[in-house]
Amino acid sequence: KNSGPVNNRIRTWFRTGGGGDDAVGATQQRRNKVCVLLTQVKEKVGEDAYVKLASSIKACNTVNNTDNVLSDVQNTAKEVLKSHPDLLKEFTMFLPASVRSN
């Protein structure tokens, strides 16, 4: 059973959004931006804030009621980034519009 080439094609498509070898898909670009933002949180606000925010984000993947969980993520972000409005604004832009408007 050789699924290596298929998996490689799927990974390439995921990374590039189906584009050429040098293209980066929109989903991967978004992930890259979030990684940069979380690194900034870690550097500017501290390890504790980073861990708290990352744990809150991770909870989104384990709970079915995403609207409430996303509101919790937003509240956590407001709490840990309150002294860094620039980071909070940037982070909030990654949340769905329905959550941002609350």
PDB file of N, CA and C in Angstrom:
ATOM      1  N   LYS A   1       0.849  -1.185   0.000  1.00  0.00           N
ATOM      2  CA  LYS A   1       0.000   0.000   0.000  1.00  0.00           C
ATOM      3  C   LYS A   1       0.888   1.239   0.000  1.00  0.00           C
ATOM      4  N   ASN A   2       0.897   1.954  -1.113  1.00  0.00           N
ATOM      5  CA  ASN A   2       1.766   3.118  -1.231  1.00  0.00           C
ATOM      6  C   ASN A   2       0.917   4.375  -1.381  1.00  0.00           C
ATOM      7  N   SER A   3       0.748   5.105  -0.299  1.00  0.00           N
ATOM      8  CA  SER A   3      -0.043   6.331  -0.360  1.00  0.00           C
ATOM      9  C   SER A   3       0.842   7.565  -0.284  1.00  0.00           C
ATOM     10  N   GLY A   4       2.149   7.382  -0.324  1.00  0.00           N
ATOM     11  CA  GLY A   4       3.084   8.502  -0.233  1.00  0.00           C
ATOM     12  C   GLY A   4       2.863   9.596  -1.260  1.00  0.00           C
ATOM     13  N   PRO A   5       2.826   9.263  -2.581  1.00  0.00           N
ATOM     14  CA  PRO A   5       2.642  10.303  -3.584  1.00  0.00           C
ATOM     15  C   PRO A   5       1.316  11.046  -3.447  1.00  0.00           C
ATOM     16  N   VAL A   6       0.267  10.313  -3.076  1.00  0.00           N
ATOM     17  CA  VAL A   6      -1.033  10.961  -2.893  1.00  0.00           C
ATOM     18  C   VAL A   6      -0.966  11.939  -1.727  1.00  0.00           C
ATOM     19  N   ASN A   7      -0.394  11.488  -0.616  1.00  0.00           N
ATOM     20  CA  ASN A   7      -0.253  12.373   0.539  1.00  0.00           C
ATOM     21  C   ASN A   7       0.592  13.590   0.201  1.00  0.00           C
ATOM     22  N   ASN A   8       1.657  13.389  -0.563  1.00  0.00           N
ATOM     23  CA  ASN A   8       2.504  14.516  -0.956  1.00  0.00           C
ATOM     24  C   ASN A   8       1.727  15.507  -1.810  1.00  0.00           C
ATOM     25  N   ARG A   9       0.902  15.004  -2.732  1.00  0.00           N
ATOM     26  CA  ARG A   9       0.093  15.909  -3.563  1.00  0.00           C
ATOM     27  C   ARG A   9      -0.909  16.673  -2.711  1.00  0.00           C
ATOM     28  N   ILE A  10      -1.515  15.992  -1.751  1.00  0.00           N
ATOM     29  CA  ILE A  10      -2.482  16.652  -0.874  1.00  0.00           C
ATOM     30  C   ILE A  10      -1.781  17.725  -0.047  1.00  0.00           C
ATOM     31  N   ARG A  11      -0.628  17.396   0.505  1.00  0.00           N
ATOM     32  CA  ARG A  11       0.118  18.383   1.287  1.00  0.00           C
ATOM     33  C   ARG A  11       0.520  19.574   0.423  1.00  0.00           C
ATOM     34  N   THR A  12       0.950  19.309  -0.811  1.00  0.00           N
ATOM     35  CA  THR A  12       1.335  20.393  -1.714  1.00  0.00           C
ATOM     36  C   THR A  12       0.132  21.264  -2.030  1.00  0.00           C
ATOM     37  N   TRP A  13      -1.008  20.650  -2.296  1.00  0.00           N
ATOM     38  CA  TRP A  13      -2.205  21.425  -2.590  1.00  0.00           C
ATOM     39  C   TRP A  13      -2.595  22.271  -1.388  1.00  0.00           C
ATOM     40  N   PHE A  14      -2.525  21.668  -0.200  1.00  0.00           N
ATOM     41  CA  PHE A  14      -2.883  22.387   1.018  1.00  0.00           C
ATOM     42  C   PHE A  14      -1.978  23.605   1.198  1.00  0.00           C
ATOM     43  N   ARG A  15      -0.693  23.403   0.959  1.00  0.00           N
ATOM     44  CA  ARG A  15       0.287  24.467   1.131  1.00  0.00           C
ATOM     45  C   ARG A  15       0.116  25.562   0.079  1.00  0.00           C
ATOM     46  N   THR A  16      -0.247  25.189  -1.129  1.00  0.00           N
ATOM     47  CA  THR A  16      -0.266  26.144  -2.237  1.00  0.00           C
ATOM     48  C   THR A  16      -1.659  26.516  -2.701  1.00  0.00           C
ATOM     49  N   GLY A  17      -2.688  25.891  -2.144  1.00  0.00           N
ATOM     50  CA  GLY A  17      -4.037  26.164  -2.595  1.00  0.00           C
ATOM     51  C   GLY A  17      -4.268  25.680  -4.009  1.00  0.00           C
ATOM     52  N   GLY A  18      -3.495  24.703  -4.453  1.00  0.00           N
ATOM     53  CA  GLY A  18      -3.642  24.155  -5.785  1.00  0.00           C
ATOM     54  C   GLY A  18      -2.854  24.902  -6.838  1.00  0.00           C
ATOM     55  N   GLY A  19      -2.114  25.922  -6.438  1.00  0.00           N
ATOM     56  CA  GLY A  19      -1.335  26.708  -7.387  1.00  0.00           C
ATOM     57  C   GLY A  19      -0.020  26.034  -7.724  1.00  0.00           C
ATOM     58  N   GLY A  20       0.850  26.764  -8.349  1.00  0.00           N
ATOM     59  CA  GLY A  20       2.153  26.241  -8.732  1.00  0.00           C
ATOM     60  C   GLY A  20       3.053  26.025  -7.533  1.00  0.00           C
ATOM     61  N   ASP A  21       4.255  25.560  -7.838  1.00  0.00           N
ATOM     62  CA  ASP A  21       5.198  25.247  -6.756  1.00  0.00           C
ATOM     63  C   ASP A  21       5.540  26.458  -5.892  1.00  0.00           C
ATOM     64  N   ASP A  22       5.526  27.659  -6.490  1.00  0.00           N
ATOM     65  CA  ASP A  22       5.908  28.839  -5.726  1.00  0.00           C
ATOM     66  C   ASP A  22       4.713  29.561  -5.102  1.00  0.00           C
ATOM     67  N   ALA A  23       3.516  29.070  -5.354  1.00  0.00           N
ATOM     68  CA  ALA A  23       2.311  29.694  -4.800  1.00  0.00           C
ATOM     69  C   ALA A  23       2.091  29.229  -3.368  1.00  0.00           C
ATOM     70  N   VAL A  24       1.547  30.101  -2.567  1.00  0.00           N
ATOM     71  CA  VAL A  24       1.176  29.741  -1.202  1.00  0.00           C
ATOM     72  C   VAL A  24      -0.315  29.991  -1.078  1.00  0.00           C
ATOM     73  N   GLY A  25      -1.040  28.957  -0.680  1.00  0.00           N
ATOM     74  CA  GLY A  25      -2.493  29.066  -0.566  1.00  0.00           C
ATOM     75  C   GLY A  25      -2.915  30.066   0.491  1.00  0.00           C
ATOM     76  N   ALA A  26      -4.136  30.564   0.342  1.00  0.00           N
ATOM     77  CA  ALA A  26      -4.670  31.562   1.264  1.00  0.00           C
ATOM     78  C   ALA A  26      -4.718  31.035   2.695  1.00  0.00           C
ATOM     79  N   THR A  27      -5.067  29.763   2.851  1.00  0.00           N
ATOM     80  CA  THR A  27      -5.131  29.186   4.195  1.00  0.00           C
ATOM     81  C   THR A  27      -3.752  29.174   4.842  1.00  0.00           C
ATOM     82  N   GLN A  28      -2.734  28.788   4.078  1.00  0.00           N
ATOM     83  CA  GLN A  28      -1.387  28.752   4.631  1.00  0.00           C
ATOM     84  C   GLN A  28      -0.881  30.162   4.911  1.00  0.00           C
ATOM     85  N   GLN A  29      -1.220  31.121   4.057  1.00  0.00           N
ATOM     86  CA  GLN A  29      -0.816  32.510   4.312  1.00  0.00           C
ATOM     87  C   GLN A  29      -1.417  32.997   5.619  1.00  0.00           C
ATOM     88  N   ARG A  30      -2.682  32.657   5.850  1.00  0.00           N
ATOM     89  CA  ARG A  30      -3.361  33.047   7.092  1.00  0.00           C
ATOM     90  C   ARG A  30      -2.675  32.401   8.296  1.00  0.00           C
ATOM     91  N   ARG A  31      -2.337  31.123   8.170  1.00  0.00           N
ATOM     92  CA  ARG A  31      -1.624  30.443   9.264  1.00  0.00           C
ATOM     93  C   ARG A  31      -0.282  31.110   9.534  1.00  0.00           C
ATOM     94  N   ASN A  32       0.423  31.463   8.471  1.00  0.00           N
ATOM     95  CA  ASN A  32       1.723  32.121   8.637  1.00  0.00           C
ATOM     96  C   ASN A  32       1.573  33.440   9.380  1.00  0.00           C
ATOM     97  N   LYS A  33       0.544  34.209   9.039  1.00  0.00           N
ATOM     98  CA  LYS A  33       0.311  35.502   9.705  1.00  0.00           C
ATOM     99  C   LYS A  33      -0.021  35.311  11.184  1.00  0.00           C
ATOM    100  N   VAL A  34      -0.817  34.282  11.479  1.00  0.00           N
ATOM    101  CA  VAL A  34      -1.164  34.007  12.879  1.00  0.00           C
ATOM    102  C   VAL A  34       0.084  33.609  13.663  1.00  0.00           C
ATOM    103  N   CYS A  35       0.941  32.802  13.046  1.00  0.00           N
ATOM    104  CA  CYS A  35       2.186  32.391  13.721  1.00  0.00           C
ATOM    105  C   CYS A  35       3.055  33.602  14.038  1.00  0.00           C
ATOM    106  N   VAL A  36       3.145  34.526  13.091  1.00  0.00           N
ATOM    107  CA  VAL A  36       3.926  35.750  13.320  1.00  0.00           C
ATOM    108  C   VAL A  36       3.304  36.550  14.457  1.00  0.00           C
ATOM    109  N   LEU A  37       1.986  36.678  14.447  1.00  0.00           N
ATOM    110  CA  LEU A  37       1.297  37.427  15.495  1.00  0.00           C
ATOM    111  C   LEU A  37       1.510  36.783  16.868  1.00  0.00           C
ATOM    112  N   LEU A  38       1.373  35.464  16.949  1.00  0.00           N
ATOM    113  CA  LEU A  38       1.578  34.791  18.235  1.00  0.00           C
ATOM    114  C   LEU A  38       3.019  34.918  18.717  1.00  0.00           C
ATOM    115  N   THR A  39       3.954  34.939  17.797  1.00  0.00           N
ATOM    116  CA  THR A  39       5.354  35.167  18.173  1.00  0.00           C
ATOM    117  C   THR A  39       5.521  36.569  18.745  1.00  0.00           C
ATOM    118  N   GLN A  40       4.846  37.540  18.152  1.00  0.00           N
ATOM    119  CA  GLN A  40       4.901  38.911  18.679  1.00  0.00           C
ATOM    120  C   GLN A  40       4.286  38.982  20.069  1.00  0.00           C
ATOM    121  N   VAL A  41       3.194  38.274  20.274  1.00  0.00           N
ATOM    122  CA  VAL A  41       2.569  38.238  21.599  1.00  0.00           C
ATOM    123  C   VAL A  41       3.566  37.686  22.610  1.00  0.00           C
ATOM    124  N   LYS A  42       4.215  36.598  22.248  1.00  0.00           N
ATOM    125  CA  LYS A  42       5.185  35.967  23.152  1.00  0.00           C
ATOM    126  C   LYS A  42       6.331  36.919  23.480  1.00  0.00           C
ATOM    127  N   GLU A  43       6.822  37.631  22.465  1.00  0.00           N
ATOM    128  CA  GLU A  43       7.958  38.532  22.662  1.00  0.00           C
ATOM    129  C   GLU A  43       7.578  39.808  23.407  1.00  0.00           C
ATOM    130  N   LYS A  44       6.431  40.391  23.083  1.00  0.00           N
ATOM    131  CA  LYS A  44       6.053  41.694  23.653  1.00  0.00           C
ATOM    132  C   LYS A  44       5.283  41.594  24.961  1.00  0.00           C
ATOM    133  N   VAL A  45       4.437  40.572  25.085  1.00  0.00           N
ATOM    134  CA  VAL A  45       3.569  40.482  26.253  1.00  0.00           C
ATOM    135  C   VAL A  45       4.081  39.455  27.250  1.00  0.00           C
ATOM    136  N   GLY A  46       4.721  38.409  26.751  1.00  0.00           N
ATOM    137  CA  GLY A  46       5.311  37.426  27.640  1.00  0.00           C
ATOM    138  C   GLY A  46       4.796  36.020  27.417  1.00  0.00           C
ATOM    139  N   GLU A  47       5.535  35.083  27.970  1.00  0.00           N
ATOM    140  CA  GLU A  47       5.248  33.658  27.825  1.00  0.00           C
ATOM    141  C   GLU A  47       3.881  33.284  28.392  1.00  0.00           C
ATOM    142  N   ASP A  48       3.537  33.829  29.558  1.00  0.00           N
ATOM    143  CA  ASP A  48       2.256  33.482  30.191  1.00  0.00           C
ATOM    144  C   ASP A  48       1.073  33.893  29.322  1.00  0.00           C
ATOM    145  N   ALA A  49       1.137  35.108  28.774  1.00  0.00           N
ATOM    146  CA  ALA A  49       0.064  35.593  27.901  1.00  0.00           C
ATOM    147  C   ALA A  49      -0.026  34.732  26.650  1.00  0.00           C
ATOM    148  N   TYR A  50       1.111  34.389  26.098  1.00  0.00           N
ATOM    149  CA  TYR A  50       1.158  33.533  24.904  1.00  0.00           C
ATOM    150  C   TYR A  50       0.504  32.180  25.180  1.00  0.00           C
ATOM    151  N   VAL A  51       0.870  31.554  26.286  1.00  0.00           N
ATOM    152  CA  VAL A  51       0.334  30.239  26.634  1.00  0.00           C
ATOM    153  C   VAL A  51      -1.172  30.323  26.866  1.00  0.00           C
ATOM    154  N   LYS A  52      -1.614  31.351  27.552  1.00  0.00           N
ATOM    155  CA  LYS A  52      -3.044  31.500  27.829  1.00  0.00           C
ATOM    156  C   LYS A  52      -3.835  31.683  26.530  1.00  0.00           C
ATOM    157  N   LEU A  53      -3.325  32.521  25.640  1.00  0.00           N
ATOM    158  CA  LEU A  53      -4.002  32.759  24.370  1.00  0.00           C
ATOM    159  C   LEU A  53      -3.961  31.517  23.479  1.00  0.00           C
ATOM    160  N   ALA A  54      -2.820  30.878  23.404  1.00  0.00           N
ATOM    161  CA  ALA A  54      -2.685  29.664  22.586  1.00  0.00           C
ATOM    162  C   ALA A  54      -3.602  28.553  23.105  1.00  0.00           C
ATOM    163  N   SER A  55      -3.711  28.408  24.406  1.00  0.00           N
ATOM    164  CA  SER A  55      -4.602  27.395  24.984  1.00  0.00           C
ATOM    165  C   SER A  55      -6.055  27.692  24.653  1.00  0.00           C
ATOM    166  N   SER A  56      -6.407  28.950  24.668  1.00  0.00           N
ATOM    167  CA  SER A  56      -7.763  29.361  24.327  1.00  0.00           C
ATOM    168  C   SER A  56      -8.072  29.045  22.865  1.00  0.00           C
ATOM    169  N   ILE A  57      -7.114  29.303  21.996  1.00  0.00           N
ATOM    170  CA  ILE A  57      -7.280  29.005  20.571  1.00  0.00           C
ATOM    171  C   ILE A  57      -7.402  27.494  20.361  1.00  0.00           C
ATOM    172  N   LYS A  58      -6.571  26.753  21.057  1.00  0.00           N
ATOM    173  CA  LYS A  58      -6.584  25.293  20.915  1.00  0.00           C
ATOM    174  C   LYS A  58      -7.934  24.704  21.327  1.00  0.00           C
ATOM    175  N   ALA A  59      -8.593  25.327  22.285  1.00  0.00           N
ATOM    176  CA  ALA A  59      -9.904  24.855  22.740  1.00  0.00           C
ATOM    177  C   ALA A  59     -10.935  24.896  21.615  1.00  0.00           C
ATOM    178  N   CYS A  60     -10.750  25.779  20.642  1.00  0.00           N
ATOM    179  CA  CYS A  60     -11.678  25.863  19.500  1.00  0.00           C
ATOM    180  C   CYS A  60     -11.721  24.559  18.728  1.00  0.00           C
ATOM    181  N   ASN A  61     -10.636  23.850  18.704  1.00  0.00           N
ATOM    182  CA  ASN A  61     -10.565  22.608  17.942  1.00  0.00           C
ATOM    183  C   ASN A  61     -11.156  21.417  18.685  1.00  0.00           C
ATOM    184  N   THR A  62     -11.474  21.583  19.965  1.00  0.00           N
ATOM    185  CA  THR A  62     -11.943  20.447  20.754  1.00  0.00           C
ATOM    186  C   THR A  62     -13.390  20.585  21.212  1.00  0.00           C
ATOM    187  N   VAL A  63     -14.011  21.741  20.951  1.00  0.00           N
ATOM    188  CA  VAL A  63     -15.373  21.990  21.420  1.00  0.00           C
ATOM    189  C   VAL A  63     -16.271  22.214  20.210  1.00  0.00           C
ATOM    190  N   ASN A  64     -17.491  21.681  20.268  1.00  0.00           N
ATOM    191  CA  ASN A  64     -18.411  21.792  19.136  1.00  0.00           C
ATOM    192  C   ASN A  64     -19.101  23.140  19.024  1.00  0.00           C
ATOM    193  N   ASN A  65     -19.384  23.806  20.115  1.00  0.00           N
ATOM    194  CA  ASN A  65     -20.102  25.078  20.097  1.00  0.00           C
ATOM    195  C   ASN A  65     -19.125  26.216  19.824  1.00  0.00           C
ATOM    196  N   THR A  66     -18.802  26.438  18.564  1.00  0.00           N
ATOM    197  CA  THR A  66     -17.717  27.351  18.213  1.00  0.00           C
ATOM    198  C   THR A  66     -18.017  28.808  18.492  1.00  0.00           C
ATOM    199  N   ASP A  67     -19.278  29.261  18.385  1.00  0.00           N
ATOM    200  CA  ASP A  67     -19.565  30.675  18.641  1.00  0.00           C
ATOM    201  C   ASP A  67     -19.202  31.065  20.067  1.00  0.00           C
ATOM    202  N   ASN A  68     -19.602  30.237  21.042  1.00  0.00           N
ATOM    203  CA  ASN A  68     -19.261  30.537  22.436  1.00  0.00           C
ATOM    204  C   ASN A  68     -17.766  30.425  22.664  1.00  0.00           C
ATOM    205  N   VAL A  69     -17.139  29.427  22.048  1.00  0.00           N
ATOM    206  CA  VAL A  69     -15.702  29.241  22.223  1.00  0.00           C
ATOM    207  C   VAL A  69     -14.951  30.415  21.608  1.00  0.00           C
ATOM    208  N   LEU A  70     -15.387  30.873  20.437  1.00  0.00           N
ATOM    209  CA  LEU A  70     -14.725  32.018  19.806  1.00  0.00           C
ATOM    210  C   LEU A  70     -14.911  33.284  20.631  1.00  0.00           C
ATOM    211  N   SER A  71     -16.055  33.422  21.272  1.00  0.00           N
ATOM    212  CA  SER A  71     -16.258  34.556  22.176  1.00  0.00           C
ATOM    213  C   SER A  71     -15.303  34.456  23.360  1.00  0.00           C
ATOM    214  N   ASP A  72     -15.095  33.237  23.852  1.00  0.00           N
ATOM    215  CA  ASP A  72     -14.123  33.030  24.930  1.00  0.00           C
ATOM    216  C   ASP A  72     -12.712  33.397  24.469  1.00  0.00           C
ATOM    217  N   VAL A  73     -12.369  33.028  23.243  1.00  0.00           N
ATOM    218  CA  VAL A  73     -11.054  33.383  22.690  1.00  0.00           C
ATOM    219  C   VAL A  73     -10.923  34.896  22.614  1.00  0.00           C
ATOM    220  N   GLN A  74     -11.978  35.550  22.137  1.00  0.00           N
ATOM    221  CA  GLN A  74     -11.950  37.009  22.043  1.00  0.00           C
ATOM    222  C   GLN A  74     -11.780  37.638  23.429  1.00  0.00           C
ATOM    223  N   ASN A  75     -12.497  37.123  24.418  1.00  0.00           N
ATOM    224  CA  ASN A  75     -12.383  37.659  25.780  1.00  0.00           C
ATOM    225  C   ASN A  75     -10.995  37.424  26.355  1.00  0.00           C
ATOM    226  N   THR A  76     -10.429  36.254  26.093  1.00  0.00           N
ATOM    227  CA  THR A  76      -9.065  35.969  26.547  1.00  0.00           C
ATOM    228  C   THR A  76      -8.082  36.931  25.890  1.00  0.00           C
ATOM    229  N   ALA A  77      -8.250  37.154  24.596  1.00  0.00           N
ATOM    230  CA  ALA A  77      -7.366  38.076  23.880  1.00  0.00           C
ATOM    231  C   ALA A  77      -7.476  39.482  24.455  1.00  0.00           C
ATOM    232  N   LYS A  78      -8.705  39.930  24.734  1.00  0.00           N
ATOM    233  CA  LYS A  78      -8.891  41.264  25.322  1.00  0.00           C
ATOM    234  C   LYS A  78      -8.181  41.372  26.667  1.00  0.00           C
ATOM    235  N   GLU A  79      -8.249  40.291  27.432  1.00  0.00           N
ATOM    236  CA  GLU A  79      -7.622  40.287  28.758  1.00  0.00           C
ATOM    237  C   GLU A  79      -6.093  40.329  28.665  1.00  0.00           C
ATOM    238  N   VAL A  80      -5.513  39.442  27.860  1.00  0.00           N
ATOM    239  CA  VAL A  80      -4.046  39.336  27.841  1.00  0.00           C
ATOM    240  C   VAL A  80      -3.383  40.399  26.974  1.00  0.00           C
ATOM    241  N   LEU A  81      -4.143  41.004  26.066  1.00  0.00           N
ATOM    242  CA  LEU A  81      -3.543  42.001  25.172  1.00  0.00           C
ATOM    243  C   LEU A  81      -4.033  43.415  25.459  1.00  0.00           C
ATOM    244  N   LYS A  82      -4.674  43.615  26.616  1.00  0.00           N
ATOM    245  CA  LYS A  82      -5.253  44.933  26.916  1.00  0.00           C
ATOM    246  C   LYS A  82      -4.220  46.058  26.912  1.00  0.00           C
ATOM    247  N   SER A  83      -2.989  45.758  27.239  1.00  0.00           N
ATOM    248  CA  SER A  83      -1.954  46.795  27.237  1.00  0.00           C
ATOM    249  C   SER A  83      -1.253  46.922  25.883  1.00  0.00           C
ATOM    250  N   HIS A  84      -1.720  46.142  24.905  1.00  0.00           N
ATOM    251  CA  HIS A  84      -1.147  46.176  23.550  1.00  0.00           C
ATOM    252  C   HIS A  84      -2.283  46.238  22.524  1.00  0.00           C
ATOM    253  N   PRO A  85      -2.932  47.403  22.413  1.00  0.00           N
ATOM    254  CA  PRO A  85      -4.096  47.509  21.524  1.00  0.00           C
ATOM    255  C   PRO A  85      -3.790  47.179  20.063  1.00  0.00           C
ATOM    256  N   ASP A  86      -2.567  47.413  19.631  1.00  0.00           N
ATOM    257  CA  ASP A  86      -2.196  47.080  18.249  1.00  0.00           C
ATOM    258  C   ASP A  86      -2.258  45.570  18.016  1.00  0.00           C
ATOM    259  N   LEU A  87      -1.734  44.792  18.952  1.00  0.00           N
ATOM    260  CA  LEU A  87      -1.785  43.328  18.839  1.00  0.00           C
ATOM    261  C   LEU A  87      -3.219  42.818  18.961  1.00  0.00           C
ATOM    262  N   LEU A  88      -3.995  43.433  19.854  1.00  0.00           N
ATOM    263  CA  LEU A  88      -5.390  43.025  20.023  1.00  0.00           C
ATOM    264  C   LEU A  88      -6.179  43.270  18.744  1.00  0.00           C
ATOM    265  N   LYS A  89      -5.976  44.418  18.141  1.00  0.00           N
ATOM    266  CA  LYS A  89      -6.682  44.740  16.896  1.00  0.00           C
ATOM    267  C   LYS A  89      -6.304  43.747  15.797  1.00  0.00           C
ATOM    268  N   GLU A  90      -5.027  43.469  15.682  1.00  0.00           N
ATOM    269  CA  GLU A  90      -4.566  42.522  14.664  1.00  0.00           C
ATOM    270  C   GLU A  90      -5.125  41.122  14.929  1.00  0.00           C
ATOM    271  N   PHE A  91      -5.108  40.698  16.184  1.00  0.00           N
ATOM    272  CA  PHE A  91      -5.631  39.376  16.535  1.00  0.00           C
ATOM    273  C   PHE A  91      -7.123  39.292  16.229  1.00  0.00           C
ATOM    274  N   THR A  92      -7.859  40.321  16.585  1.00  0.00           N
ATOM    275  CA  THR A  92      -9.303  40.336  16.389  1.00  0.00           C
ATOM    276  C   THR A  92      -9.676  40.180  14.916  1.00  0.00           C
ATOM    277  N   MET A  93      -8.832  40.651  14.012  1.00  0.00           N
ATOM    278  CA  MET A  93      -9.118  40.547  12.587  1.00  0.00           C
ATOM    279  C   MET A  93      -9.139  39.094  12.112  1.00  0.00           C
ATOM    280  N   PHE A  94      -8.568  38.186  12.868  1.00  0.00           N
ATOM    281  CA  PHE A  94      -8.585  36.763  12.504  1.00  0.00           C
ATOM    282  C   PHE A  94      -9.877  36.073  12.942  1.00  0.00           C
ATOM    283  N   LEU A  95     -10.652  36.740  13.782  1.00  0.00           N
ATOM    284  CA  LEU A  95     -11.920  36.156  14.241  1.00  0.00           C
ATOM    285  C   LEU A  95     -13.015  36.421  13.212  1.00  0.00           C
ATOM    286  N   PRO A  96     -14.012  35.561  13.158  1.00  0.00           N
ATOM    287  CA  PRO A  96     -15.121  35.787  12.236  1.00  0.00           C
ATOM    288  C   PRO A  96     -15.830  37.110  12.548  1.00  0.00           C
ATOM    289  N   ALA A  97     -16.390  37.738  11.533  1.00  0.00           N
ATOM    290  CA  ALA A  97     -17.057  39.029  11.701  1.00  0.00           C
ATOM    291  C   ALA A  97     -18.166  38.957  12.736  1.00  0.00           C
ATOM    292  N   SER A  98     -18.879  37.837  12.807  1.00  0.00           N
ATOM    293  CA  SER A  98     -19.963  37.698  13.780  1.00  0.00           C
ATOM    294  C   SER A  98     -19.458  37.786  15.210  1.00  0.00           C
ATOM    295  N   VAL A  99     -18.266  37.331  15.459  1.00  0.00           N
ATOM    296  CA  VAL A  99     -17.680  37.377  16.800  1.00  0.00           C
ATOM    297  C   VAL A  99     -17.106  38.774  17.064  1.00  0.00           C
ATOM    298  N   ARG A 100     -16.472  39.355  16.059  1.00  0.00           N
ATOM    299  CA  ARG A 100     -15.867  40.686  16.209  1.00  0.00           C
ATOM    300  C   ARG A 100     -16.902  41.740  16.551  1.00  0.00           C
ATOM    301  N   SER A 101     -18.125  41.595  16.042  1.00  0.00           N
ATOM    302  CA  SER A 101     -19.145  42.615  16.254  1.00  0.00           C
ATOM    303  C   SER A 101     -19.732  42.589  17.666  1.00  0.00           C
ATOM    304  N   ASN A 102     -19.440  41.536  18.423  1.00  0.00           N
ATOM    305  CA  ASN A 102     -19.969  41.428  19.802  1.00  0.00           C
ATOM    306  C   ASN A 102     -19.172  42.272  20.755  1.00  0.00           C
TER     307      ASN A 102
END
